Amino acid sequence: MQLRHETRLTSEEYVTQEAWRQASLNRCPCHPKVCCRLTRHGSYSRSEPPGMRVSRWYCRDAHVTFSLLPDCLAARLGGSLDEAEQIVLEVERSRSLEAAAAVVRPDIELPGAMRWVRRRVLGVRAALLALVTLMPGRFGMVAQVSAVRSVLGSERALVALREIGASHLPNLVRPVGFRPHRRSLAERGRRLQHRTGPDPPASTSY
């Protein structure tokens, strides 16, 4: 389970200061009112930026691991939130997603670059639309990074959104929120489970 590590550091500053070592989890999300066997569970590395690590905690009673994701990092995607913000801005300023993808990912072929950019754009736009709807008047009326930047007076709009909308993060999609991208195995199992009863009549059409 991903949780928010509140910090104003950029991803580069986070790495330089090794800020994951200072991350702390005072209460277990599974047992907020009682004592449990919550212990630090080391950390894991992220590929971008180089040297980045994310601290982890483990509840032995609930058998759940918690990762404390700093505000500077994109959730369930590589890279930082600031990088995702710049990518979406490039799309907003370009004539098409194809043109923006050619600019931000010239190192790979265009179809792959478009998929890479689209994952970030769709997630950011979905989070912006959700927060604009959930918190009317707080971010203006336009679910675009450029508009939200203007309202907030910040060039780190996504980092600010994660802080302002902290209570909604479990229900917001990546890279701003922490909602899992895929349904759980239990949900998928329920969806694919056959109903009980006799087989339906065989079709007579050919």
N, C-alpha and C. Protein backbone atom coordinates (compact mmCIF):
# COMPACT_ATOMS: atom_id res chain seq x y z
N MET A 1 0.84 -1.18 0.00
CA MET A 1 0.00 0.00 0.00
C MET A 1 0.89 1.24 0.00
N GLN A 2 0.57 2.19 -0.86
CA GLN A 2 1.33 3.43 -0.91
C GLN A 2 0.72 4.48 -0.01
N LEU A 3 1.58 5.18 0.72
CA LEU A 3 1.19 6.28 1.58
C LEU A 3 2.03 7.49 1.23
N ARG A 4 1.55 8.65 1.62
CA ARG A 4 2.24 9.89 1.28
C ARG A 4 3.32 10.23 2.30
N HIS A 5 4.52 10.52 1.79
CA HIS A 5 5.57 11.10 2.62
C HIS A 5 5.62 12.58 2.30
N GLU A 6 5.10 13.38 3.21
CA GLU A 6 5.01 14.83 2.98
C GLU A 6 6.41 15.44 2.95
N THR A 7 6.73 16.11 1.85
CA THR A 7 8.02 16.77 1.73
C THR A 7 7.95 17.82 0.62
N ARG A 8 8.69 18.89 0.79
CA ARG A 8 8.78 19.94 -0.23
C ARG A 8 10.04 19.76 -1.08
N LEU A 9 10.83 18.74 -0.81
CA LEU A 9 12.07 18.52 -1.55
C LEU A 9 11.78 18.11 -2.99
N THR A 10 12.65 18.52 -3.91
CA THR A 10 12.60 17.98 -5.26
C THR A 10 13.18 16.56 -5.23
N SER A 11 13.01 15.82 -6.31
CA SER A 11 13.52 14.46 -6.33
C SER A 11 15.05 14.44 -6.20
N GLU A 12 15.73 15.42 -6.82
CA GLU A 12 17.18 15.47 -6.71
C GLU A 12 17.61 15.77 -5.27
N GLU A 13 16.92 16.70 -4.61
CA GLU A 13 17.24 17.02 -3.22
C GLU A 13 16.96 15.83 -2.31
N TYR A 14 15.90 15.10 -2.61
CA TYR A 14 15.54 13.93 -1.80
C TYR A 14 16.65 12.89 -1.84
N VAL A 15 17.22 12.70 -3.04
CA VAL A 15 18.32 11.74 -3.18
C VAL A 15 19.57 12.25 -2.48
N THR A 16 19.91 13.51 -2.70
CA THR A 16 21.13 14.07 -2.10
C THR A 16 21.10 13.99 -0.58
N GLN A 17 19.94 14.26 0.01
CA GLN A 17 19.80 14.25 1.46
C GLN A 17 19.46 12.87 2.02
N GLU A 18 19.25 11.90 1.11
CA GLU A 18 18.83 10.55 1.54
C GLU A 18 17.65 10.67 2.51
N ALA A 19 16.65 11.42 2.08
CA ALA A 19 15.54 11.78 2.97
C ALA A 19 14.66 10.59 3.33
N TRP A 20 14.77 9.49 2.59
CA TRP A 20 13.98 8.30 2.96
C TRP A 20 14.38 7.76 4.34
N ARG A 21 15.59 8.09 4.78
CA ARG A 21 16.03 7.63 6.09
C ARG A 21 15.30 8.35 7.22
N GLN A 22 14.78 9.56 6.94
CA GLN A 22 14.05 10.32 7.95
C GLN A 22 12.53 10.08 7.88
N ALA A 23 12.09 9.35 6.87
CA ALA A 23 10.65 9.08 6.76
C ALA A 23 10.19 8.24 7.94
N SER A 24 9.00 8.56 8.47
CA SER A 24 8.50 7.83 9.63
C SER A 24 7.00 7.58 9.49
N LEU A 25 6.57 6.50 10.07
CA LEU A 25 5.15 6.14 10.09
C LEU A 25 4.77 5.89 11.54
N ASN A 26 4.08 6.87 12.12
CA ASN A 26 3.79 6.81 13.55
C ASN A 26 2.64 5.89 13.90
N ARG A 27 1.69 5.74 12.98
CA ARG A 27 0.53 4.89 13.24
C ARG A 27 0.30 3.95 12.07
N CYS A 28 -0.10 2.75 12.36
CA CYS A 28 -0.41 1.78 11.31
C CYS A 28 -1.78 2.11 10.71
N PRO A 29 -1.88 2.25 9.39
CA PRO A 29 -3.18 2.53 8.78
C PRO A 29 -4.21 1.43 9.02
N CYS A 30 -3.74 0.21 9.26
CA CYS A 30 -4.67 -0.89 9.52
C CYS A 30 -5.14 -0.93 10.97
N HIS A 31 -4.34 -0.35 11.87
CA HIS A 31 -4.67 -0.36 13.30
C HIS A 31 -4.43 1.03 13.89
N PRO A 32 -5.19 2.04 13.48
CA PRO A 32 -4.90 3.42 13.92
C PRO A 32 -5.15 3.66 15.41
N LYS A 33 -5.96 2.82 16.06
CA LYS A 33 -6.32 3.06 17.45
C LYS A 33 -5.77 2.05 18.43
N VAL A 34 -5.06 1.06 17.94
CA VAL A 34 -4.49 0.05 18.83
C VAL A 34 -3.04 -0.19 18.46
N CYS A 35 -2.30 -0.79 19.37
CA CYS A 35 -0.91 -1.13 19.11
C CYS A 35 -0.84 -2.39 18.25
N CYS A 36 0.14 -2.41 17.36
CA CYS A 36 0.34 -3.59 16.54
C CYS A 36 1.83 -3.75 16.28
N ARG A 37 2.19 -4.78 15.58
CA ARG A 37 3.60 -5.05 15.32
C ARG A 37 4.03 -4.38 14.01
N LEU A 38 4.03 -3.04 14.03
CA LEU A 38 4.46 -2.25 12.87
C LEU A 38 5.96 -2.00 12.99
N THR A 39 6.71 -2.38 11.97
CA THR A 39 8.16 -2.23 12.01
C THR A 39 8.67 -1.69 10.67
N ARG A 40 9.81 -1.00 10.73
CA ARG A 40 10.45 -0.55 9.51
C ARG A 40 10.89 -1.76 8.70
N HIS A 41 10.71 -1.68 7.38
CA HIS A 41 10.95 -2.83 6.50
C HIS A 41 11.93 -2.45 5.38
N GLY A 42 12.95 -1.68 5.75
CA GLY A 42 13.96 -1.32 4.77
C GLY A 42 13.47 -0.30 3.76
N SER A 43 13.97 -0.40 2.55
CA SER A 43 13.59 0.51 1.48
C SER A 43 13.79 -0.18 0.14
N TYR A 44 13.20 0.38 -0.90
CA TYR A 44 13.41 -0.17 -2.24
C TYR A 44 13.83 0.96 -3.17
N SER A 45 14.52 0.61 -4.24
CA SER A 45 15.06 1.62 -5.14
C SER A 45 14.09 1.96 -6.26
N ARG A 46 14.22 3.16 -6.76
CA ARG A 46 13.51 3.61 -7.96
C ARG A 46 14.57 3.92 -9.02
N SER A 47 14.24 3.61 -10.26
CA SER A 47 15.23 3.80 -11.33
C SER A 47 15.50 5.27 -11.61
N GLU A 48 14.49 6.11 -11.45
CA GLU A 48 14.64 7.54 -11.72
C GLU A 48 14.11 8.34 -10.53
N PRO A 49 14.88 9.35 -10.09
CA PRO A 49 16.26 9.65 -10.49
C PRO A 49 17.23 8.64 -9.89
N PRO A 50 18.42 8.53 -10.43
CA PRO A 50 19.40 7.57 -9.90
C PRO A 50 19.67 7.81 -8.41
N GLY A 51 19.69 6.72 -7.66
CA GLY A 51 19.95 6.81 -6.23
C GLY A 51 18.71 6.95 -5.37
N MET A 52 17.54 7.10 -6.00
CA MET A 52 16.30 7.28 -5.24
C MET A 52 15.90 5.98 -4.55
N ARG A 53 15.48 6.10 -3.30
CA ARG A 53 14.95 4.96 -2.55
C ARG A 53 13.68 5.40 -1.83
N VAL A 54 12.80 4.45 -1.59
CA VAL A 54 11.52 4.70 -0.92
C VAL A 54 11.46 3.82 0.32
N SER A 55 11.18 4.42 1.46
CA SER A 55 11.15 3.66 2.72
C SER A 55 9.90 2.80 2.80
N ARG A 56 10.01 1.68 3.52
CA ARG A 56 8.88 0.76 3.68
C ARG A 56 8.68 0.41 5.15
N TRP A 57 7.43 0.06 5.46
CA TRP A 57 7.05 -0.40 6.79
C TRP A 57 6.17 -1.63 6.61
N TYR A 58 6.18 -2.48 7.65
CA TYR A 58 5.42 -3.74 7.56
C TYR A 58 4.66 -3.98 8.85
N CYS A 59 3.37 -4.29 8.70
CA CYS A 59 2.54 -4.66 9.84
C CYS A 59 2.45 -6.18 9.87
N ARG A 60 3.04 -6.77 10.90
CA ARG A 60 3.05 -8.23 11.00
C ARG A 60 1.68 -8.80 11.32
N ASP A 61 0.83 -7.98 11.93
CA ASP A 61 -0.52 -8.47 12.28
C ASP A 61 -1.45 -8.47 11.07
N ALA A 62 -1.35 -7.42 10.23
CA ALA A 62 -2.21 -7.34 9.05
C ALA A 62 -1.56 -7.95 7.82
N HIS A 63 -0.26 -8.26 7.91
CA HIS A 63 0.50 -8.80 6.78
C HIS A 63 0.45 -7.84 5.58
N VAL A 64 0.65 -6.57 5.85
CA VAL A 64 0.59 -5.54 4.81
C VAL A 64 1.87 -4.71 4.86
N THR A 65 2.41 -4.42 3.69
CA THR A 65 3.58 -3.56 3.56
C THR A 65 3.15 -2.18 3.10
N PHE A 66 3.73 -1.15 3.70
CA PHE A 66 3.42 0.23 3.35
C PHE A 66 4.68 0.90 2.82
N SER A 67 4.55 1.56 1.68
CA SER A 67 5.67 2.35 1.16
C SER A 67 5.33 3.82 1.29
N LEU A 68 6.28 4.61 1.79
CA LEU A 68 6.08 6.04 2.01
C LEU A 68 6.64 6.80 0.82
N LEU A 69 5.77 7.12 -0.13
CA LEU A 69 6.17 7.76 -1.37
C LEU A 69 6.28 9.26 -1.17
N PRO A 70 7.45 9.85 -1.41
CA PRO A 70 7.59 11.30 -1.25
C PRO A 70 6.78 12.06 -2.28
N ASP A 71 6.38 13.27 -1.93
CA ASP A 71 5.55 14.07 -2.82
C ASP A 71 6.21 14.35 -4.16
N CYS A 72 7.53 14.30 -4.21
CA CYS A 72 8.22 14.62 -5.46
C CYS A 72 8.14 13.51 -6.50
N LEU A 73 7.76 12.29 -6.09
CA LEU A 73 7.76 11.16 -7.01
C LEU A 73 6.40 10.88 -7.60
N ALA A 74 6.38 10.49 -8.87
CA ALA A 74 5.15 10.02 -9.49
C ALA A 74 4.78 8.67 -8.89
N ALA A 75 3.51 8.42 -8.73
CA ALA A 75 3.04 7.15 -8.17
C ALA A 75 2.79 6.15 -9.29
N ARG A 76 3.35 4.95 -9.12
CA ARG A 76 3.14 3.83 -10.04
C ARG A 76 3.59 4.14 -11.47
N LEU A 77 4.51 5.09 -11.59
CA LEU A 77 5.16 5.42 -12.86
C LEU A 77 6.58 5.85 -12.55
N GLY A 78 7.48 5.69 -13.50
CA GLY A 78 8.84 6.14 -13.30
C GLY A 78 8.93 7.66 -13.32
N GLY A 79 9.96 8.18 -12.66
CA GLY A 79 10.21 9.61 -12.70
C GLY A 79 9.50 10.38 -11.61
N SER A 80 9.61 11.70 -11.70
CA SER A 80 9.07 12.59 -10.67
C SER A 80 7.75 13.21 -11.13
N LEU A 81 7.03 13.79 -10.17
CA LEU A 81 5.81 14.51 -10.51
C LEU A 81 6.11 15.75 -11.33
N ASP A 82 7.23 16.41 -11.03
CA ASP A 82 7.61 17.59 -11.81
C ASP A 82 7.83 17.23 -13.27
N GLU A 83 8.45 16.08 -13.54
CA GLU A 83 8.65 15.64 -14.92
C GLU A 83 7.32 15.34 -15.60
N ALA A 84 6.43 14.69 -14.88
CA ALA A 84 5.10 14.42 -15.44
C ALA A 84 4.37 15.72 -15.76
N GLU A 85 4.53 16.71 -14.90
CA GLU A 85 3.89 18.00 -15.12
C GLU A 85 4.42 18.67 -16.39
N GLN A 86 5.74 18.61 -16.60
CA GLN A 86 6.32 19.21 -17.80
C GLN A 86 5.86 18.51 -19.06
N ILE A 87 5.68 17.20 -18.98
CA ILE A 87 5.20 16.43 -20.13
C ILE A 87 3.78 16.85 -20.49
N VAL A 88 2.92 16.97 -19.50
CA VAL A 88 1.53 17.37 -19.76
C VAL A 88 1.48 18.80 -20.29
N LEU A 89 2.32 19.67 -19.78
CA LEU A 89 2.39 21.05 -20.28
C LEU A 89 2.80 21.06 -21.75
N GLU A 90 3.76 20.22 -22.11
CA GLU A 90 4.19 20.14 -23.51
C GLU A 90 3.04 19.71 -24.41
N VAL A 91 2.24 18.78 -23.93
CA VAL A 91 1.07 18.33 -24.71
C VAL A 91 0.06 19.45 -24.85
N GLU A 92 -0.18 20.19 -23.76
CA GLU A 92 -1.15 21.29 -23.80
C GLU A 92 -0.71 22.39 -24.77
N ARG A 93 0.60 22.57 -24.92
CA ARG A 93 1.11 23.64 -25.78
C ARG A 93 1.32 23.19 -27.22
N SER A 94 1.32 21.87 -27.47
CA SER A 94 1.59 21.34 -28.80
C SER A 94 0.32 21.20 -29.62
N ARG A 95 0.49 21.04 -30.90
CA ARG A 95 -0.67 20.90 -31.79
C ARG A 95 -1.32 19.53 -31.67
N SER A 96 -0.56 18.55 -31.17
CA SER A 96 -1.09 17.20 -31.02
C SER A 96 -0.24 16.42 -30.04
N LEU A 97 -0.79 15.30 -29.55
CA LEU A 97 -0.02 14.42 -28.68
C LEU A 97 1.17 13.84 -29.42
N GLU A 98 0.99 13.56 -30.70
CA GLU A 98 2.08 13.02 -31.51
C GLU A 98 3.25 13.98 -31.57
N ALA A 99 2.97 15.27 -31.77
CA ALA A 99 4.03 16.27 -31.84
C ALA A 99 4.75 16.39 -30.50
N ALA A 100 3.99 16.36 -29.41
CA ALA A 100 4.60 16.46 -28.08
C ALA A 100 5.46 15.24 -27.79
N ALA A 101 4.98 14.05 -28.17
CA ALA A 101 5.73 12.82 -27.91
C ALA A 101 7.07 12.84 -28.65
N ALA A 102 7.09 13.38 -29.86
CA ALA A 102 8.33 13.46 -30.62
C ALA A 102 9.35 14.36 -29.94
N VAL A 103 8.87 15.35 -29.19
CA VAL A 103 9.76 16.28 -28.50
C VAL A 103 10.30 15.69 -27.21
N VAL A 104 9.41 15.10 -26.38
CA VAL A 104 9.82 14.66 -25.05
C VAL A 104 10.49 13.30 -25.04
N ARG A 105 10.24 12.45 -26.06
CA ARG A 105 10.89 11.14 -26.12
C ARG A 105 11.48 10.88 -27.51
N PRO A 106 12.46 11.69 -27.91
CA PRO A 106 13.09 11.47 -29.22
C PRO A 106 13.98 10.23 -29.25
N ASP A 107 14.21 9.64 -28.09
CA ASP A 107 15.12 8.49 -27.99
C ASP A 107 14.48 7.17 -28.37
N ILE A 108 13.15 7.14 -28.51
CA ILE A 108 12.47 5.90 -28.88
C ILE A 108 11.57 6.16 -30.08
N GLU A 109 11.07 5.09 -30.70
CA GLU A 109 10.20 5.24 -31.86
C GLU A 109 8.89 5.90 -31.46
N LEU A 110 8.27 6.58 -32.42
CA LEU A 110 7.10 7.40 -32.13
C LEU A 110 5.93 6.64 -31.50
N PRO A 111 5.56 5.45 -31.98
CA PRO A 111 4.45 4.75 -31.32
C PRO A 111 4.70 4.50 -29.83
N GLY A 112 5.92 4.09 -29.49
CA GLY A 112 6.25 3.88 -28.09
C GLY A 112 6.27 5.17 -27.31
N ALA A 113 6.76 6.24 -27.93
CA ALA A 113 6.78 7.55 -27.27
C ALA A 113 5.36 8.03 -27.00
N MET A 114 4.45 7.80 -27.93
CA MET A 114 3.07 8.23 -27.73
C MET A 114 2.41 7.45 -26.60
N ARG A 115 2.67 6.15 -26.49
CA ARG A 115 2.11 5.37 -25.38
C ARG A 115 2.67 5.87 -24.06
N TRP A 116 3.96 6.15 -24.02
CA TRP A 116 4.63 6.62 -22.81
C TRP A 116 4.03 7.95 -22.36
N VAL A 117 3.85 8.87 -23.29
CA VAL A 117 3.27 10.18 -22.97
C VAL A 117 1.81 10.05 -22.59
N ARG A 118 1.06 9.22 -23.32
CA ARG A 118 -0.38 9.10 -23.07
C ARG A 118 -0.66 8.59 -21.66
N ARG A 119 0.15 7.66 -21.16
CA ARG A 119 -0.06 7.15 -19.81
C ARG A 119 0.00 8.27 -18.78
N ARG A 120 0.92 9.18 -18.98
CA ARG A 120 1.08 10.29 -18.03
C ARG A 120 -0.01 11.34 -18.20
N VAL A 121 -0.33 11.65 -19.44
CA VAL A 121 -1.34 12.67 -19.70
C VAL A 121 -2.71 12.24 -19.20
N LEU A 122 -3.11 11.01 -19.49
CA LEU A 122 -4.43 10.54 -19.08
C LEU A 122 -4.55 10.51 -17.56
N GLY A 123 -3.50 10.07 -16.88
CA GLY A 123 -3.54 10.02 -15.43
C GLY A 123 -3.62 11.39 -14.80
N VAL A 124 -2.81 12.32 -15.30
CA VAL A 124 -2.83 13.68 -14.74
C VAL A 124 -4.16 14.35 -15.01
N ARG A 125 -4.68 14.22 -16.21
CA ARG A 125 -5.96 14.85 -16.53
C ARG A 125 -7.10 14.27 -15.69
N ALA A 126 -7.06 12.97 -15.46
CA ALA A 126 -8.10 12.34 -14.65
C ALA A 126 -8.04 12.86 -13.21
N ALA A 127 -6.83 12.99 -12.67
CA ALA A 127 -6.68 13.50 -11.30
C ALA A 127 -7.12 14.96 -11.22
N LEU A 128 -6.74 15.77 -12.21
CA LEU A 128 -7.14 17.18 -12.22
C LEU A 128 -8.65 17.31 -12.28
N LEU A 129 -9.28 16.55 -13.16
CA LEU A 129 -10.74 16.62 -13.28
C LEU A 129 -11.42 16.21 -11.99
N ALA A 130 -10.90 15.16 -11.35
CA ALA A 130 -11.49 14.70 -10.09
C ALA A 130 -11.38 15.76 -9.01
N LEU A 131 -10.22 16.39 -8.89
CA LEU A 131 -10.02 17.38 -7.83
C LEU A 131 -10.79 18.67 -8.12
N VAL A 132 -10.86 19.07 -9.37
CA VAL A 132 -11.66 20.25 -9.73
C VAL A 132 -13.12 20.01 -9.38
N THR A 133 -13.58 18.77 -9.57
CA THR A 133 -14.97 18.43 -9.27
C THR A 133 -15.20 18.29 -7.77
N LEU A 134 -14.26 17.64 -7.08
CA LEU A 134 -14.42 17.40 -5.64
C LEU A 134 -14.24 18.66 -4.80
N MET A 135 -13.44 19.58 -5.30
CA MET A 135 -13.14 20.80 -4.54
C MET A 135 -13.45 22.02 -5.40
N PRO A 136 -14.73 22.25 -5.69
CA PRO A 136 -15.12 23.33 -6.60
C PRO A 136 -14.64 24.69 -6.11
N GLY A 137 -14.10 25.46 -7.05
CA GLY A 137 -13.62 26.80 -6.73
C GLY A 137 -12.20 26.85 -6.24
N ARG A 138 -11.65 25.69 -5.84
CA ARG A 138 -10.29 25.68 -5.28
C ARG A 138 -9.23 25.77 -6.35
N PHE A 139 -9.49 25.16 -7.52
CA PHE A 139 -8.50 25.11 -8.59
C PHE A 139 -8.99 25.76 -9.88
N GLY A 140 -10.07 26.51 -9.82
CA GLY A 140 -10.64 27.08 -11.03
C GLY A 140 -11.59 26.09 -11.68
N MET A 141 -11.89 26.31 -12.95
CA MET A 141 -12.88 25.50 -13.65
C MET A 141 -12.28 24.66 -14.78
N VAL A 142 -11.00 24.83 -15.07
CA VAL A 142 -10.37 24.14 -16.20
C VAL A 142 -9.39 23.09 -15.69
N ALA A 143 -9.60 21.85 -16.10
CA ALA A 143 -8.75 20.74 -15.64
C ALA A 143 -7.51 20.62 -16.52
N GLN A 144 -6.67 21.66 -16.49
CA GLN A 144 -5.41 21.66 -17.22
C GLN A 144 -4.30 22.13 -16.29
N VAL A 145 -3.11 21.59 -16.51
CA VAL A 145 -1.99 21.96 -15.66
C VAL A 145 -1.70 23.45 -15.74
N SER A 146 -1.73 24.02 -16.95
CA SER A 146 -1.44 25.44 -17.10
C SER A 146 -2.44 26.30 -16.34
N ALA A 147 -3.71 25.92 -16.35
CA ALA A 147 -4.73 26.69 -15.63
C ALA A 147 -4.56 26.56 -14.12
N VAL A 148 -4.28 25.34 -13.65
CA VAL A 148 -4.10 25.12 -12.21
C VAL A 148 -2.85 25.83 -11.72
N ARG A 149 -1.80 25.84 -12.52
CA ARG A 149 -0.59 26.58 -12.17
C ARG A 149 -0.91 28.06 -11.93
N SER A 150 -1.71 28.60 -12.83
CA SER A 150 -2.06 30.02 -12.71
C SER A 150 -2.86 30.28 -11.44
N VAL A 151 -3.81 29.40 -11.13
CA VAL A 151 -4.64 29.58 -9.94
C VAL A 151 -3.81 29.46 -8.67
N LEU A 152 -2.92 28.47 -8.63
CA LEU A 152 -2.13 28.22 -7.42
C LEU A 152 -0.90 29.12 -7.33
N GLY A 153 -0.51 29.73 -8.45
CA GLY A 153 0.70 30.54 -8.45
C GLY A 153 1.94 29.72 -8.20
N SER A 154 1.98 28.51 -8.75
CA SER A 154 3.10 27.58 -8.51
C SER A 154 3.47 26.88 -9.80
N GLU A 155 4.77 26.64 -9.97
CA GLU A 155 5.25 25.86 -11.11
C GLU A 155 5.42 24.39 -10.75
N ARG A 156 5.00 24.02 -9.54
CA ARG A 156 4.97 22.62 -9.13
C ARG A 156 3.53 22.28 -8.74
N ALA A 157 2.65 22.39 -9.72
CA ALA A 157 1.22 22.26 -9.47
C ALA A 157 0.85 20.86 -8.98
N LEU A 158 1.45 19.81 -9.54
CA LEU A 158 1.08 18.45 -9.16
C LEU A 158 1.51 18.13 -7.74
N VAL A 159 2.68 18.63 -7.34
CA VAL A 159 3.12 18.45 -5.96
C VAL A 159 2.16 19.16 -5.01
N ALA A 160 1.75 20.38 -5.39
CA ALA A 160 0.80 21.13 -4.57
C ALA A 160 -0.55 20.42 -4.51
N LEU A 161 -0.98 19.83 -5.63
CA LEU A 161 -2.25 19.11 -5.65
C LEU A 161 -2.23 17.89 -4.74
N ARG A 162 -1.10 17.20 -4.70
CA ARG A 162 -1.01 16.03 -3.82
C ARG A 162 -1.16 16.45 -2.36
N GLU A 163 -0.62 17.62 -2.01
CA GLU A 163 -0.75 18.11 -0.64
C GLU A 163 -2.17 18.57 -0.35
N ILE A 164 -2.73 19.37 -1.24
CA ILE A 164 -4.08 19.92 -1.01
C ILE A 164 -5.12 18.81 -1.02
N GLY A 165 -4.98 17.87 -1.93
CA GLY A 165 -5.96 16.79 -2.04
C GLY A 165 -5.53 15.52 -1.35
N ALA A 166 -4.75 15.63 -0.27
CA ALA A 166 -4.18 14.45 0.40
C ALA A 166 -5.24 13.44 0.82
N SER A 167 -6.38 13.89 1.28
CA SER A 167 -7.42 12.96 1.74
C SER A 167 -8.04 12.17 0.59
N HIS A 168 -7.85 12.63 -0.65
CA HIS A 168 -8.44 11.94 -1.80
C HIS A 168 -7.45 11.04 -2.53
N LEU A 169 -6.19 11.00 -2.10
CA LEU A 169 -5.16 10.26 -2.83
C LEU A 169 -5.49 8.78 -3.03
N PRO A 170 -6.09 8.07 -2.05
CA PRO A 170 -6.39 6.66 -2.29
C PRO A 170 -7.34 6.43 -3.45
N ASN A 171 -8.10 7.46 -3.85
CA ASN A 171 -9.08 7.30 -4.92
C ASN A 171 -8.67 7.98 -6.22
N LEU A 172 -7.50 8.62 -6.23
CA LEU A 172 -7.01 9.27 -7.45
C LEU A 172 -6.04 8.35 -8.16
N VAL A 173 -6.07 8.38 -9.50
CA VAL A 173 -5.22 7.49 -10.28
C VAL A 173 -3.79 8.05 -10.36
N ARG A 174 -2.87 7.20 -10.78
CA ARG A 174 -1.48 7.59 -10.98
C ARG A 174 -1.37 8.70 -12.02
N PRO A 175 -0.38 9.52 -12.04
CA PRO A 175 0.77 9.52 -11.15
C PRO A 175 0.58 10.40 -9.91
N VAL A 176 -0.59 11.07 -9.80
CA VAL A 176 -0.83 11.94 -8.64
C VAL A 176 -1.30 11.13 -7.45
N GLY A 177 -2.30 10.27 -7.67
CA GLY A 177 -2.89 9.50 -6.59
C GLY A 177 -2.33 8.10 -6.47
N PHE A 178 -2.85 7.36 -5.51
CA PHE A 178 -2.31 6.06 -5.16
C PHE A 178 -3.25 4.90 -5.49
N ARG A 179 -4.32 5.16 -6.22
CA ARG A 179 -5.25 4.07 -6.52
C ARG A 179 -4.58 3.06 -7.44
N PRO A 180 -4.65 1.77 -7.11
CA PRO A 180 -4.04 0.76 -7.98
C PRO A 180 -4.61 0.83 -9.39
N HIS A 181 -3.73 0.61 -10.38
CA HIS A 181 -4.15 0.69 -11.78
C HIS A 181 -5.07 -0.45 -12.16
N ARG A 182 -4.81 -1.64 -11.61
CA ARG A 182 -5.61 -2.81 -11.97
C ARG A 182 -6.48 -3.24 -10.81
N ARG A 183 -7.55 -3.94 -11.16
CA ARG A 183 -8.41 -4.49 -10.13
C ARG A 183 -7.67 -5.58 -9.37
N SER A 184 -8.05 -5.75 -8.12
CA SER A 184 -7.43 -6.80 -7.32
C SER A 184 -7.82 -8.17 -7.87
N LEU A 185 -7.05 -9.20 -7.48
CA LEU A 185 -7.35 -10.55 -7.93
C LEU A 185 -8.74 -10.96 -7.48
N ALA A 186 -9.14 -10.54 -6.28
CA ALA A 186 -10.47 -10.90 -5.78
C ALA A 186 -11.55 -10.29 -6.66
N GLU A 187 -11.37 -9.01 -7.05
CA GLU A 187 -12.37 -8.36 -7.88
C GLU A 187 -12.43 -9.01 -9.25
N ARG A 188 -11.25 -9.34 -9.81
CA ARG A 188 -11.25 -9.99 -11.11
C ARG A 188 -11.88 -11.38 -11.03
N GLY A 189 -11.66 -12.07 -9.91
CA GLY A 189 -12.25 -13.39 -9.75
C GLY A 189 -13.76 -13.32 -9.69
N ARG A 190 -14.29 -12.30 -8.98
CA ARG A 190 -15.74 -12.16 -8.90
C ARG A 190 -16.32 -11.85 -10.27
N ARG A 191 -15.62 -11.04 -11.06
CA ARG A 191 -16.14 -10.64 -12.36
C ARG A 191 -16.18 -11.82 -13.33
N LEU A 192 -15.20 -12.74 -13.19
CA LEU A 192 -15.12 -13.86 -14.12
C LEU A 192 -15.85 -15.10 -13.63
N GLN A 193 -16.35 -15.07 -12.39
CA GLN A 193 -17.01 -16.25 -11.83
C GLN A 193 -18.33 -16.51 -12.55
N HIS A 194 -18.56 -17.77 -12.95
CA HIS A 194 -19.82 -18.14 -13.59
C HIS A 194 -20.95 -18.16 -12.58
N ARG A 195 -22.14 -17.79 -13.02
CA ARG A 195 -23.30 -17.89 -12.15
C ARG A 195 -23.74 -19.34 -12.04
N THR A 196 -24.34 -19.66 -10.90
CA THR A 196 -24.84 -21.03 -10.73
C THR A 196 -26.13 -21.21 -11.51
N GLY A 197 -26.46 -22.47 -11.80
CA GLY A 197 -27.70 -22.75 -12.53
C GLY A 197 -27.43 -23.54 -13.79
N PRO A 198 -28.49 -23.93 -14.51
CA PRO A 198 -28.33 -24.74 -15.73
C PRO A 198 -27.71 -23.91 -16.86
N ASP A 199 -27.12 -24.62 -17.81
CA ASP A 199 -26.56 -23.96 -18.98
C ASP A 199 -27.68 -23.30 -19.78
N PRO A 200 -27.40 -22.17 -20.44
CA PRO A 200 -28.42 -21.55 -21.29
C PRO A 200 -28.71 -22.40 -22.50
N PRO A 201 -29.85 -22.20 -23.15
CA PRO A 201 -30.16 -22.99 -24.35
C PRO A 201 -29.12 -22.78 -25.43
N ALA A 202 -28.83 -23.82 -26.18
CA ALA A 202 -27.84 -23.69 -27.26
C ALA A 202 -28.42 -22.83 -28.36
N SER A 203 -27.56 -22.05 -28.99
CA SER A 203 -27.99 -21.17 -30.07
C SER A 203 -28.28 -21.98 -31.31
N THR A 204 -29.33 -21.63 -32.04
CA THR A 204 -29.69 -22.35 -33.27
C THR A 204 -29.31 -21.55 -34.50
N SER A 205 -28.72 -20.40 -34.32
CA SER A 205 -28.33 -19.58 -35.48
C SER A 205 -26.93 -19.97 -35.94
N TYR A 206 -26.68 -19.90 -37.23
CA TYR A 206 -25.39 -20.27 -37.80
C TYR A 206 -24.90 -19.15 -38.71
